[in-house]
Amino acid sequence: MRSRLIVTVLALLLLGGCFSGDREEPVPTPSPDLSSPPRAVATNRGPFQAGPFEAPRRGAYLGAWIKPDEMTQVGRLAAVGALEQSLGRKLHFINTYRRFEQMMGTPSDAAFLADGAKLMISWATGDNRSILSGEHDDLIREQARAIRKIKDPVMLRMRWEMDRPNLRATMWSGEDYIAAWRYVRKIFREEKADNVSWVWCPTAEGFIRGDAPAFYPGDDQVDWTCVDVYAGFEFQPIGTLMGPFLDWAAQRPKPIVIGEFGVAKAWGSEGRADWLKDAERTFKVNKQIKAVAYFESDPDGNGPNQQFQLAGDERAFKAFLRLVQDPYFNP
């Protein structure tokens, strides 16, 4: 009896290792199949009514978020400059993140603009119901005036990835998010911040689950549709990962920006290179995609499934360089 108990305990311990929630060691998965052409879904070439930040008539803009070694103005400039030097070209736009109270129009923002780049600002607004109560009106007005002073066209991702389950406590519901979006836009309009293109950007997973569309403010409120898509915990072709989004976005008369895309280090150099080659093909056949931004970052505290920096991975970076140097992404 005792020996059977020992065997049972050992078996449970082994199973516990499988179900511990540790997703840091992915099961090897074949590279994306590049023998078949990618699925062309969102093929509307425009022209589009995209707000002040106009979509290119041909091809797609290239941008990125580049995590600096130090989160300072100098660090931001150095990080972007180093990547652009490695790429041998300038980025069309820089993705930059702001908390609700962090002001727009920083010295590094001004430096990027002076160097010819545009801005995509990812703004982490707060609790939707506190916004609707008027609690943050002064802050919202101050931010609107700060963006107005930028003068150049800006893409603004108001609370991107609003569909994430871990944000539900502050998003409350799709209805609350939509009401907050309209409320903030009204304040921006009152402050004459008319250099903003409003970008609605959920996650690819939210479309796979089916709950992301409930957060859409409407065609009259959105200038660009957007999606964040990663080969992180699941290694599938990018067209598969964002397929449900593309099916949905193809029905909207809006240009698409891929707000963040990345492939994790966990999948190895060869797999990452293949995934990026497939991403290039997928973007090009879906002509409605008018801008793409890589997430060049290894977030602190994350395991290999959520580390996306390409610098230092020679084979993967070479594949990205091929995308970067394609004339399609330099309209």
C-alpha atoms as a PDB file:
ATOM      1  CA  MET A   1       0.000   0.000   0.000  1.00  0.00           C
ATOM      2  CA  ARG A   2       2.827   2.353   0.995  1.00  0.00           C
ATOM      3  CA  SER A   3       4.673   1.692  -2.304  1.00  0.00           C
ATOM      4  CA  ARG A   4       1.522   2.488  -4.289  1.00  0.00           C
ATOM      5  CA  LEU A   5       1.160   5.773  -2.359  1.00  0.00           C
ATOM      6  CA  ILE A   6       4.769   6.733  -3.168  1.00  0.00           C
ATOM      7  CA  VAL A   7       4.214   6.003  -6.864  1.00  0.00           C
ATOM      8  CA  THR A   8       1.019   8.078  -6.825  1.00  0.00           C
ATOM      9  CA  VAL A   9       2.771  11.027  -5.149  1.00  0.00           C
ATOM     10  CA  LEU A  10       5.651  10.888  -7.634  1.00  0.00           C
ATOM     11  CA  ALA A  11       3.188  10.820 -10.539  1.00  0.00           C
ATOM     12  CA  LEU A  12       1.343  13.841  -9.155  1.00  0.00           C
ATOM     13  CA  LEU A  13       4.611  15.711  -8.731  1.00  0.00           C
ATOM     14  CA  LEU A  14       5.517  15.019 -12.331  1.00  0.00           C
ATOM     15  CA  LEU A  15       2.099  16.158 -13.508  1.00  0.00           C
ATOM     16  CA  GLY A  16       2.418  19.233 -11.316  1.00  0.00           C
ATOM     17  CA  GLY A  17       5.449  20.237 -13.340  1.00  0.00           C
ATOM     18  CA  CYS A  18       3.332  20.117 -16.471  1.00  0.00           C
ATOM     19  CA  PHE A  19       0.495  22.203 -15.016  1.00  0.00           C
ATOM     20  CA  SER A  20       2.497  24.621 -12.878  1.00  0.00           C
ATOM     21  CA  GLY A  21       1.677  27.528 -15.193  1.00  0.00           C
ATOM     22  CA  ASP A  22       5.317  27.867 -16.211  1.00  0.00           C
ATOM     23  CA  ARG A  23       5.048  28.679 -19.913  1.00  0.00           C
ATOM     24  CA  GLU A  24       8.685  29.641 -20.316  1.00  0.00           C
ATOM     25  CA  GLU A  25       9.668  26.492 -22.211  1.00  0.00           C
ATOM     26  CA  PRO A  26       7.439  26.254 -25.292  1.00  0.00           C
ATOM     27  CA  VAL A  27       6.874  23.009 -27.094  1.00  0.00           C
ATOM     28  CA  PRO A  28       8.848  23.049 -30.371  1.00  0.00           C
ATOM     29  CA  THR A  29       6.581  24.058 -33.233  1.00  0.00           C
ATOM     30  CA  PRO A  30       7.297  23.907 -36.972  1.00  0.00           C
ATOM     31  CA  SER A  31       8.182  27.184 -38.675  1.00  0.00           C
ATOM     32  CA  PRO A  32       5.395  28.946 -40.597  1.00  0.00           C
ATOM     33  CA  ASP A  33       4.678  27.328 -43.939  1.00  0.00           C
ATOM     34  CA  LEU A  34       6.166  29.669 -46.551  1.00  0.00           C
ATOM     35  CA  SER A  35       5.339  27.398 -49.477  1.00  0.00           C
ATOM     36  CA  SER A  36       1.766  28.697 -49.719  1.00  0.00           C
ATOM     37  CA  PRO A  37       0.908  32.337 -50.339  1.00  0.00           C
ATOM     38  CA  PRO A  38      -0.402  34.262 -47.327  1.00  0.00           C
ATOM     39  CA  ARG A  39      -4.124  34.901 -47.104  1.00  0.00           C
ATOM     40  CA  ALA A  40      -5.190  38.206 -48.672  1.00  0.00           C
ATOM     41  CA  VAL A  41      -8.189  39.503 -46.735  1.00  0.00           C
ATOM     42  CA  ALA A  42      -7.988  43.256 -46.187  1.00  0.00           C
ATOM     43  CA  THR A  43      -7.280  44.288 -49.763  1.00  0.00           C
ATOM     44  CA  ASN A  44      -8.875  47.745 -49.908  1.00  0.00           C
ATOM     45  CA  ARG A  45      -6.156  50.053 -51.277  1.00  0.00           C
ATOM     46  CA  GLY A  46      -7.950  53.264 -50.346  1.00  0.00           C
ATOM     47  CA  PRO A  47      -7.740  56.193 -50.492  1.00  0.00           C
ATOM     48  CA  PHE A  48      -9.009  56.506 -46.933  1.00  0.00           C
ATOM     49  CA  GLN A  49     -10.301  59.262 -44.702  1.00  0.00           C
ATOM     50  CA  ALA A  50      -7.599  58.730 -42.079  1.00  0.00           C
ATOM     51  CA  GLY A  51      -7.615  62.067 -40.311  1.00  0.00           C
ATOM     52  CA  PRO A  52      -4.561  64.355 -40.200  1.00  0.00           C
ATOM     53  CA  PHE A  53      -2.133  61.422 -40.188  1.00  0.00           C
ATOM     54  CA  GLU A  54      -2.746  60.414 -43.778  1.00  0.00           C
ATOM     55  CA  ALA A  55      -2.222  56.886 -45.053  1.00  0.00           C
ATOM     56  CA  PRO A  56       0.216  56.437 -47.942  1.00  0.00           C
ATOM     57  CA  ARG A  57      -1.402  55.756 -51.297  1.00  0.00           C
ATOM     58  CA  ARG A  58       1.029  52.900 -51.916  1.00  0.00           C
ATOM     59  CA  GLY A  59       2.933  50.690 -49.537  1.00  0.00           C
ATOM     60  CA  ALA A  60       3.082  51.079 -45.766  1.00  0.00           C
ATOM     61  CA  TYR A  61       4.878  53.275 -43.250  1.00  0.00           C
ATOM     62  CA  LEU A  62       7.465  51.645 -40.991  1.00  0.00           C
ATOM     63  CA  GLY A  63       7.718  52.421 -37.294  1.00  0.00           C
ATOM     64  CA  ALA A  64       8.820  50.860 -34.033  1.00  0.00           C
ATOM     65  CA  TRP A  65       8.926  51.057 -30.290  1.00  0.00           C
ATOM     66  CA  ILE A  66      12.556  50.766 -29.182  1.00  0.00           C
ATOM     67  CA  LYS A  67      13.049  50.250 -25.471  1.00  0.00           C
ATOM     68  CA  PRO A  68      15.919  52.455 -24.257  1.00  0.00           C
ATOM     69  CA  ASP A  69      18.558  51.286 -21.799  1.00  0.00           C
ATOM     70  CA  GLU A  70      17.457  54.156 -19.585  1.00  0.00           C
ATOM     71  CA  MET A  71      13.956  55.639 -19.556  1.00  0.00           C
ATOM     72  CA  THR A  72      15.180  59.180 -20.053  1.00  0.00           C
ATOM     73  CA  GLN A  73      14.913  61.677 -22.885  1.00  0.00           C
ATOM     74  CA  VAL A  74      18.546  61.021 -23.830  1.00  0.00           C
ATOM     75  CA  GLY A  75      18.001  57.274 -23.550  1.00  0.00           C
ATOM     76  CA  ARG A  76      15.007  57.383 -25.904  1.00  0.00           C
ATOM     77  CA  LEU A  77      16.947  59.326 -28.521  1.00  0.00           C
ATOM     78  CA  ALA A  78      19.960  57.022 -28.263  1.00  0.00           C
ATOM     79  CA  ALA A  79      17.817  53.883 -28.625  1.00  0.00           C
ATOM     80  CA  VAL A  80      16.065  55.123 -31.760  1.00  0.00           C
ATOM     81  CA  GLY A  81      19.297  56.409 -33.260  1.00  0.00           C
ATOM     82  CA  ALA A  82      21.086  53.105 -32.686  1.00  0.00           C
ATOM     83  CA  LEU A  83      18.322  51.078 -34.335  1.00  0.00           C
ATOM     84  CA  GLU A  84      18.089  53.422 -37.310  1.00  0.00           C
ATOM     85  CA  GLN A  85      21.834  53.184 -37.793  1.00  0.00           C
ATOM     86  CA  SER A  86      21.616  49.373 -37.771  1.00  0.00           C
ATOM     87  CA  LEU A  87      18.749  49.491 -40.264  1.00  0.00           C
ATOM     88  CA  GLY A  88      20.484  51.970 -42.547  1.00  0.00           C
ATOM     89  CA  ARG A  89      17.368  54.144 -42.764  1.00  0.00           C
ATOM     90  CA  LYS A  90      15.038  56.395 -40.807  1.00  0.00           C
ATOM     91  CA  LEU A  91      11.761  55.215 -39.326  1.00  0.00           C
ATOM     92  CA  HIS A  92       8.619  56.943 -40.550  1.00  0.00           C
ATOM     93  CA  PHE A  93       7.139  57.057 -37.066  1.00  0.00           C
ATOM     94  CA  ILE A  94       8.078  56.332 -33.476  1.00  0.00           C
ATOM     95  CA  ASN A  95       5.719  54.520 -31.117  1.00  0.00           C
ATOM     96  CA  THR A  96       5.979  56.012 -27.642  1.00  0.00           C
ATOM     97  CA  TYR A  97       4.062  55.204 -24.444  1.00  0.00           C
ATOM     98  CA  ARG A  98       2.482  57.563 -21.916  1.00  0.00           C
ATOM     99  CA  ARG A  99       0.657  56.970 -18.682  1.00  0.00           C
ATOM    100  CA  PHE A 100      -2.545  58.973 -18.238  1.00  0.00           C
ATOM    101  CA  GLU A 101      -0.776  61.829 -16.462  1.00  0.00           C
ATOM    102  CA  GLN A 102       2.509  61.744 -18.408  1.00  0.00           C
ATOM    103  CA  MET A 103       2.537  64.770 -20.658  1.00  0.00           C
ATOM    104  CA  MET A 104       2.725  64.621 -24.436  1.00  0.00           C
ATOM    105  CA  GLY A 105       5.224  66.715 -26.341  1.00  0.00           C
ATOM    106  CA  THR A 106       8.383  65.848 -24.399  1.00  0.00           C
ATOM    107  CA  PRO A 107      11.858  67.012 -25.504  1.00  0.00           C
ATOM    108  CA  SER A 108      12.465  63.605 -27.105  1.00  0.00           C
ATOM    109  CA  ASP A 109       9.130  63.885 -28.943  1.00  0.00           C
ATOM    110  CA  ALA A 110      10.271  67.245 -30.281  1.00  0.00           C
ATOM    111  CA  ALA A 111      13.639  65.811 -31.301  1.00  0.00           C
ATOM    112  CA  PHE A 112      12.022  62.945 -33.218  1.00  0.00           C
ATOM    113  CA  LEU A 113       9.774  65.405 -35.032  1.00  0.00           C
ATOM    114  CA  ALA A 114      12.694  67.702 -35.831  1.00  0.00           C
ATOM    115  CA  ASP A 115      14.486  64.693 -37.329  1.00  0.00           C
ATOM    116  CA  GLY A 116      11.595  64.051 -39.701  1.00  0.00           C
ATOM    117  CA  ALA A 117       9.738  61.262 -37.864  1.00  0.00           C
ATOM    118  CA  LYS A 118       6.071  61.277 -36.875  1.00  0.00           C
ATOM    119  CA  LEU A 119       4.638  60.125 -33.553  1.00  0.00           C
ATOM    120  CA  MET A 120       2.274  57.347 -32.587  1.00  0.00           C
ATOM    121  CA  ILE A 121       1.432  57.983 -28.931  1.00  0.00           C
ATOM    122  CA  SER A 122       0.074  55.030 -26.966  1.00  0.00           C
ATOM    123  CA  TRP A 123      -1.867  56.671 -24.130  1.00  0.00           C
ATOM    124  CA  ALA A 124      -2.847  54.596 -21.088  1.00  0.00           C
ATOM    125  CA  THR A 125      -5.961  56.452 -20.005  1.00  0.00           C
ATOM    126  CA  GLY A 126      -7.484  55.518 -16.644  1.00  0.00           C
ATOM    127  CA  ASP A 127     -10.752  54.188 -15.292  1.00  0.00           C
ATOM    128  CA  ASN A 128     -13.469  54.817 -17.872  1.00  0.00           C
ATOM    129  CA  ARG A 129     -16.165  55.583 -15.335  1.00  0.00           C
ATOM    130  CA  SER A 130     -13.974  58.126 -13.537  1.00  0.00           C
ATOM    131  CA  ILE A 131     -13.335  59.765 -16.930  1.00  0.00           C
ATOM    132  CA  LEU A 132     -17.078  59.954 -17.557  1.00  0.00           C
ATOM    133  CA  SER A 133     -17.652  61.458 -14.103  1.00  0.00           C
ATOM    134  CA  GLY A 134     -15.517  64.452 -15.115  1.00  0.00           C
ATOM    135  CA  GLU A 135     -12.816  63.684 -12.554  1.00  0.00           C
ATOM    136  CA  HIS A 136     -10.002  64.011 -15.123  1.00  0.00           C
ATOM    137  CA  ASP A 137     -11.284  66.845 -17.304  1.00  0.00           C
ATOM    138  CA  ASP A 138      -8.432  69.209 -16.445  1.00  0.00           C
ATOM    139  CA  LEU A 139      -5.809  66.575 -17.232  1.00  0.00           C
ATOM    140  CA  ILE A 140      -7.472  65.618 -20.514  1.00  0.00           C
ATOM    141  CA  ARG A 141      -7.653  69.265 -21.560  1.00  0.00           C
ATOM    142  CA  GLU A 142      -3.998  69.769 -20.686  1.00  0.00           C
ATOM    143  CA  GLN A 143      -3.030  66.741 -22.768  1.00  0.00           C
ATOM    144  CA  ALA A 144      -5.151  67.977 -25.677  1.00  0.00           C
ATOM    145  CA  ARG A 145      -3.402  71.347 -25.580  1.00  0.00           C
ATOM    146  CA  ALA A 146       0.002  69.634 -25.407  1.00  0.00           C
ATOM    147  CA  ILE A 147      -0.776  67.604 -28.528  1.00  0.00           C
ATOM    148  CA  ARG A 148      -2.132  70.685 -30.276  1.00  0.00           C
ATOM    149  CA  LYS A 149       1.228  72.388 -29.651  1.00  0.00           C
ATOM    150  CA  ILE A 150       3.002  69.518 -31.423  1.00  0.00           C
ATOM    151  CA  LYS A 151       1.278  70.770 -34.611  1.00  0.00           C
ATOM    152  CA  ASP A 152       2.466  67.789 -36.675  1.00  0.00           C
ATOM    153  CA  PRO A 153      -0.069  64.995 -37.330  1.00  0.00           C
ATOM    154  CA  VAL A 154      -0.094  62.461 -34.490  1.00  0.00           C
ATOM    155  CA  MET A 155      -1.564  58.964 -34.271  1.00  0.00           C
ATOM    156  CA  LEU A 156      -3.126  58.562 -30.820  1.00  0.00           C
ATOM    157  CA  ARG A 157      -3.847  55.069 -29.494  1.00  0.00           C
ATOM    158  CA  MET A 158      -6.254  55.851 -26.661  1.00  0.00           C
ATOM    159  CA  ARG A 159      -5.969  53.005 -24.138  1.00  0.00           C
ATOM    160  CA  TRP A 160      -4.623  50.479 -26.585  1.00  0.00           C
ATOM    161  CA  GLU A 161      -5.343  46.777 -25.851  1.00  0.00           C
ATOM    162  CA  MET A 162      -8.443  47.812 -23.953  1.00  0.00           C
ATOM    163  CA  ASP A 163      -9.832  44.300 -24.484  1.00  0.00           C
ATOM    164  CA  ARG A 164      -7.209  42.613 -22.295  1.00  0.00           C
ATOM    165  CA  PRO A 165      -8.890  40.677 -19.458  1.00  0.00           C
ATOM    166  CA  ASN A 166      -6.499  42.197 -16.902  1.00  0.00           C
ATOM    167  CA  LEU A 167      -7.825  45.684 -17.767  1.00  0.00           C
ATOM    168  CA  ARG A 168     -11.480  44.836 -17.237  1.00  0.00           C
ATOM    169  CA  ALA A 169     -11.517  46.401 -13.757  1.00  0.00           C
ATOM    170  CA  THR A 170     -10.820  49.852 -15.235  1.00  0.00           C
ATOM    171  CA  MET A 171     -12.427  49.412 -18.654  1.00  0.00           C
ATOM    172  CA  TRP A 172     -15.632  48.010 -17.083  1.00  0.00           C
ATOM    173  CA  SER A 173     -17.293  47.171 -20.391  1.00  0.00           C
ATOM    174  CA  GLY A 174     -17.258  47.913 -24.083  1.00  0.00           C
ATOM    175  CA  GLU A 175     -20.044  50.444 -23.565  1.00  0.00           C
ATOM    176  CA  ASP A 176     -18.024  52.271 -20.910  1.00  0.00           C
ATOM    177  CA  TYR A 177     -14.932  52.365 -23.091  1.00  0.00           C
ATOM    178  CA  ILE A 178     -16.881  53.702 -26.081  1.00  0.00           C
ATOM    179  CA  ALA A 179     -18.527  56.384 -23.944  1.00  0.00           C
ATOM    180  CA  ALA A 180     -15.128  57.415 -22.520  1.00  0.00           C
ATOM    181  CA  TRP A 181     -13.608  57.502 -26.006  1.00  0.00           C
ATOM    182  CA  ARG A 182     -16.360  59.834 -27.243  1.00  0.00           C
ATOM    183  CA  TYR A 183     -16.042  61.959 -24.093  1.00  0.00           C
ATOM    184  CA  VAL A 184     -12.280  62.417 -24.543  1.00  0.00           C
ATOM    185  CA  ARG A 185     -12.635  63.147 -28.255  1.00  0.00           C
ATOM    186  CA  LYS A 186     -15.190  65.833 -27.463  1.00  0.00           C
ATOM    187  CA  ILE A 187     -12.738  67.543 -25.105  1.00  0.00           C
ATOM    188  CA  PHE A 188      -9.969  67.355 -27.710  1.00  0.00           C
ATOM    189  CA  ARG A 189     -12.319  68.910 -30.234  1.00  0.00           C
ATOM    190  CA  GLU A 190     -13.174  71.716 -27.795  1.00  0.00           C
ATOM    191  CA  GLU A 191      -9.454  72.356 -27.299  1.00  0.00           C
ATOM    192  CA  LYS A 192      -8.958  72.408 -31.093  1.00  0.00           C
ATOM    193  CA  ALA A 193      -6.462  69.539 -31.003  1.00  0.00           C
ATOM    194  CA  ASP A 194      -7.259  68.802 -34.635  1.00  0.00           C
ATOM    195  CA  ASN A 195      -3.873  67.288 -35.521  1.00  0.00           C
ATOM    196  CA  VAL A 196      -4.885  63.900 -34.054  1.00  0.00           C
ATOM    197  CA  SER A 197      -5.751  60.727 -35.944  1.00  0.00           C
ATOM    198  CA  TRP A 198      -7.617  58.473 -33.529  1.00  0.00           C
ATOM    199  CA  VAL A 199      -6.362  54.885 -33.568  1.00  0.00           C
ATOM    200  CA  TRP A 200      -8.412  52.042 -32.102  1.00  0.00           C
ATOM    201  CA  CYS A 201      -6.065  49.189 -31.205  1.00  0.00           C
ATOM    202  CA  PRO A 202      -7.180  45.966 -29.477  1.00  0.00           C
ATOM    203  CA  THR A 203      -5.279  42.678 -29.371  1.00  0.00           C
ATOM    204  CA  ALA A 204      -5.304  39.874 -31.896  1.00  0.00           C
ATOM    205  CA  GLU A 205      -6.317  37.561 -29.031  1.00  0.00           C
ATOM    206  CA  GLY A 206      -9.393  39.691 -28.381  1.00  0.00           C
ATOM    207  CA  PHE A 207     -10.604  38.966 -31.896  1.00  0.00           C
ATOM    208  CA  ILE A 208      -9.835  35.270 -31.510  1.00  0.00           C
ATOM    209  CA  ARG A 209     -11.914  35.254 -28.302  1.00  0.00           C
ATOM    210  CA  GLY A 210     -14.553  37.373 -30.019  1.00  0.00           C
ATOM    211  CA  ASP A 211     -14.853  40.123 -27.384  1.00  0.00           C
ATOM    212  CA  ALA A 212     -12.739  42.897 -28.995  1.00  0.00           C
ATOM    213  CA  PRO A 213     -15.391  44.221 -31.421  1.00  0.00           C
ATOM    214  CA  ALA A 214     -17.612  45.212 -28.470  1.00  0.00           C
ATOM    215  CA  PHE A 215     -15.108  48.003 -27.714  1.00  0.00           C
ATOM    216  CA  TYR A 216     -15.247  49.580 -31.188  1.00  0.00           C
ATOM    217  CA  PRO A 217     -16.382  53.241 -30.934  1.00  0.00           C
ATOM    218  CA  GLY A 218     -17.711  53.350 -34.507  1.00  0.00           C
ATOM    219  CA  ASP A 219     -16.607  54.389 -37.971  1.00  0.00           C
ATOM    220  CA  ASP A 220     -17.489  58.011 -37.214  1.00  0.00           C
ATOM    221  CA  GLN A 221     -15.107  58.017 -34.223  1.00  0.00           C
ATOM    222  CA  VAL A 222     -12.093  56.060 -35.494  1.00  0.00           C
ATOM    223  CA  ASP A 223      -9.559  57.157 -38.133  1.00  0.00           C
ATOM    224  CA  TRP A 224      -7.315  54.053 -38.197  1.00  0.00           C
ATOM    225  CA  THR A 225      -8.091  50.525 -37.061  1.00  0.00           C
ATOM    226  CA  CYS A 226      -5.221  48.675 -35.448  1.00  0.00           C
ATOM    227  CA  VAL A 227      -4.134  45.426 -33.861  1.00  0.00           C
ATOM    228  CA  ASP A 228      -1.253  44.233 -31.670  1.00  0.00           C
ATOM    229  CA  VAL A 229      -0.087  40.762 -32.691  1.00  0.00           C
ATOM    230  CA  TYR A 230       2.680  38.582 -31.258  1.00  0.00           C
ATOM    231  CA  ALA A 231       4.120  35.117 -31.705  1.00  0.00           C
ATOM    232  CA  GLY A 232       4.663  34.779 -27.990  1.00  0.00           C
ATOM    233  CA  PHE A 233       3.165  31.756 -26.276  1.00  0.00           C
ATOM    234  CA  GLU A 234       1.818  30.392 -29.567  1.00  0.00           C
ATOM    235  CA  PHE A 235       4.022  30.110 -32.625  1.00  0.00           C
ATOM    236  CA  GLN A 236       1.663  30.471 -35.553  1.00  0.00           C
ATOM    237  CA  PRO A 237       1.940  32.478 -38.780  1.00  0.00           C
ATOM    238  CA  ILE A 238       1.031  36.119 -38.300  1.00  0.00           C
ATOM    239  CA  GLY A 239      -1.830  35.785 -40.802  1.00  0.00           C
ATOM    240  CA  THR A 240      -3.348  33.074 -38.594  1.00  0.00           C
ATOM    241  CA  LEU A 241      -2.859  35.040 -35.376  1.00  0.00           C
ATOM    242  CA  MET A 242      -4.517  38.185 -36.714  1.00  0.00           C
ATOM    243  CA  GLY A 243      -6.854  36.472 -39.175  1.00  0.00           C
ATOM    244  CA  PRO A 244     -10.078  37.224 -37.233  1.00  0.00           C
ATOM    245  CA  PHE A 245      -9.040  40.878 -36.945  1.00  0.00           C
ATOM    246  CA  LEU A 246      -8.346  41.134 -40.677  1.00  0.00           C
ATOM    247  CA  ASP A 247     -11.733  39.581 -41.455  1.00  0.00           C
ATOM    248  CA  TRP A 248     -13.358  42.254 -39.286  1.00  0.00           C
ATOM    249  CA  ALA A 249     -11.205  45.207 -40.433  1.00  0.00           C
ATOM    250  CA  ALA A 250     -11.765  44.401 -44.107  1.00  0.00           C
ATOM    251  CA  GLN A 251     -15.395  45.440 -43.586  1.00  0.00           C
ATOM    252  CA  ARG A 252     -14.368  48.902 -42.329  1.00  0.00           C
ATOM    253  CA  PRO A 253     -13.418  51.845 -44.596  1.00  0.00           C
ATOM    254  CA  LYS A 254     -10.309  52.525 -42.525  1.00  0.00           C
ATOM    255  CA  PRO A 255      -6.584  52.096 -43.035  1.00  0.00           C
ATOM    256  CA  ILE A 256      -4.925  49.551 -40.734  1.00  0.00           C
ATOM    257  CA  VAL A 257      -1.845  50.057 -38.589  1.00  0.00           C
ATOM    258  CA  ILE A 258      -0.149  47.094 -36.952  1.00  0.00           C
ATOM    259  CA  GLY A 259       0.494  48.902 -33.685  1.00  0.00           C
ATOM    260  CA  GLU A 260       2.851  46.279 -32.279  1.00  0.00           C
ATOM    261  CA  PHE A 261       4.168  43.069 -33.755  1.00  0.00           C
ATOM    262  CA  GLY A 262       6.913  40.801 -32.545  1.00  0.00           C
ATOM    263  CA  VAL A 263       8.224  37.253 -32.415  1.00  0.00           C
ATOM    264  CA  ALA A 264       9.638  35.872 -29.185  1.00  0.00           C
ATOM    265  CA  LYS A 265      13.197  34.707 -28.635  1.00  0.00           C
ATOM    266  CA  ALA A 266      11.771  31.448 -27.328  1.00  0.00           C
ATOM    267  CA  TRP A 267      11.160  30.296 -30.897  1.00  0.00           C
ATOM    268  CA  GLY A 268      14.826  30.371 -31.941  1.00  0.00           C
ATOM    269  CA  SER A 269      16.637  32.335 -34.622  1.00  0.00           C
ATOM    270  CA  GLU A 270      15.484  30.225 -37.569  1.00  0.00           C
ATOM    271  CA  GLY A 271      11.854  30.244 -36.474  1.00  0.00           C
ATOM    272  CA  ARG A 272      11.917  33.977 -35.834  1.00  0.00           C
ATOM    273  CA  ALA A 273      13.443  34.672 -39.251  1.00  0.00           C
ATOM    274  CA  ASP A 274      10.786  32.573 -40.983  1.00  0.00           C
ATOM    275  CA  TRP A 275       8.015  34.278 -39.030  1.00  0.00           C
ATOM    276  CA  LEU A 276       9.298  37.717 -40.048  1.00  0.00           C
ATOM    277  CA  LYS A 277       9.562  36.696 -43.702  1.00  0.00           C
ATOM    278  CA  ASP A 278       5.948  35.576 -43.519  1.00  0.00           C
ATOM    279  CA  ALA A 279       4.976  38.842 -41.815  1.00  0.00           C
ATOM    280  CA  GLU A 280       6.489  40.815 -44.708  1.00  0.00           C
ATOM    281  CA  ARG A 281       4.469  38.814 -47.253  1.00  0.00           C
ATOM    282  CA  THR A 282       1.278  39.071 -45.198  1.00  0.00           C
ATOM    283  CA  PHE A 283       1.514  42.842 -44.830  1.00  0.00           C
ATOM    284  CA  LYS A 284       2.109  43.276 -48.561  1.00  0.00           C
ATOM    285  CA  VAL A 285      -0.870  41.222 -49.763  1.00  0.00           C
ATOM    286  CA  ASN A 286      -3.234  42.911 -47.309  1.00  0.00           C
ATOM    287  CA  LYS A 287      -3.072  46.326 -48.961  1.00  0.00           C
ATOM    288  CA  GLN A 288      -5.305  47.918 -46.339  1.00  0.00           C
ATOM    289  CA  ILE A 289      -2.368  47.673 -43.908  1.00  0.00           C
ATOM    290  CA  LYS A 290      -0.804  51.111 -44.281  1.00  0.00           C
ATOM    291  CA  ALA A 291       1.601  51.197 -41.317  1.00  0.00           C
ATOM    292  CA  VAL A 292       3.468  48.628 -39.212  1.00  0.00           C
ATOM    293  CA  ALA A 293       5.483  49.046 -35.999  1.00  0.00           C
ATOM    294  CA  TYR A 294       7.828  46.429 -34.544  1.00  0.00           C
ATOM    295  CA  PHE A 295       8.054  46.043 -30.750  1.00  0.00           C
ATOM    296  CA  GLU A 296      11.838  46.094 -30.314  1.00  0.00           C
ATOM    297  CA  SER A 297      11.912  45.339 -26.612  1.00  0.00           C
ATOM    298  CA  ASP A 298      12.720  42.804 -23.941  1.00  0.00           C
ATOM    299  CA  PRO A 299      10.302  43.859 -21.174  1.00  0.00           C
ATOM    300  CA  ASP A 300      11.752  43.616 -17.672  1.00  0.00           C
ATOM    301  CA  GLY A 301      10.671  40.584 -15.704  1.00  0.00           C
ATOM    302  CA  ASN A 302       9.301  38.667 -18.673  1.00  0.00           C
ATOM    303  CA  GLY A 303      10.510  35.243 -19.740  1.00  0.00           C
ATOM    304  CA  PRO A 304      11.655  34.239 -23.239  1.00  0.00           C
ATOM    305  CA  ASN A 305       8.070  33.981 -24.509  1.00  0.00           C
ATOM    306  CA  GLN A 306       7.735  37.746 -24.054  1.00  0.00           C
ATOM    307  CA  GLN A 307      11.154  38.948 -25.170  1.00  0.00           C
ATOM    308  CA  PHE A 308      10.971  40.372 -28.688  1.00  0.00           C
ATOM    309  CA  GLN A 309      14.148  42.361 -29.285  1.00  0.00           C
ATOM    310  CA  LEU A 310      15.780  41.446 -32.593  1.00  0.00           C
ATOM    311  CA  ALA A 311      19.124  43.191 -32.064  1.00  0.00           C
ATOM    312  CA  GLY A 312      21.709  40.550 -31.210  1.00  0.00           C
ATOM    313  CA  ASP A 313      19.897  37.776 -33.089  1.00  0.00           C
ATOM    314  CA  GLU A 314      21.758  37.889 -36.389  1.00  0.00           C
ATOM    315  CA  ARG A 315      19.485  35.631 -38.393  1.00  0.00           C
ATOM    316  CA  ALA A 316      16.224  37.170 -37.186  1.00  0.00           C
ATOM    317  CA  PHE A 317      17.552  40.698 -37.588  1.00  0.00           C
ATOM    318  CA  LYS A 318      18.620  39.933 -41.139  1.00  0.00           C
ATOM    319  CA  ALA A 319      15.045  38.880 -41.966  1.00  0.00           C
ATOM    320  CA  PHE A 320      13.725  42.084 -40.435  1.00  0.00           C
ATOM    321  CA  LEU A 321      16.290  44.061 -42.391  1.00  0.00           C
ATOM    322  CA  ARG A 322      14.892  42.557 -45.583  1.00  0.00           C
ATOM    323  CA  LEU A 323      11.445  43.880 -44.664  1.00  0.00           C
ATOM    324  CA  VAL A 324      12.888  47.267 -43.739  1.00  0.00           C
ATOM    325  CA  GLN A 325      14.769  47.610 -47.023  1.00  0.00           C
ATOM    326  CA  ASP A 326      11.811  46.565 -49.180  1.00  0.00           C
ATOM    327  CA  PRO A 327      10.670  49.661 -51.123  1.00  0.00           C
ATOM    328  CA  TYR A 328       7.086  48.746 -50.170  1.00  0.00           C
ATOM    329  CA  PHE A 329       7.833  49.906 -46.614  1.00  0.00           C
ATOM    330  CA  ASN A 330       9.413  53.149 -47.760  1.00  0.00           C
ATOM    331  CA  PRO A 331       6.548  54.845 -49.626  1.00  0.00           C
END
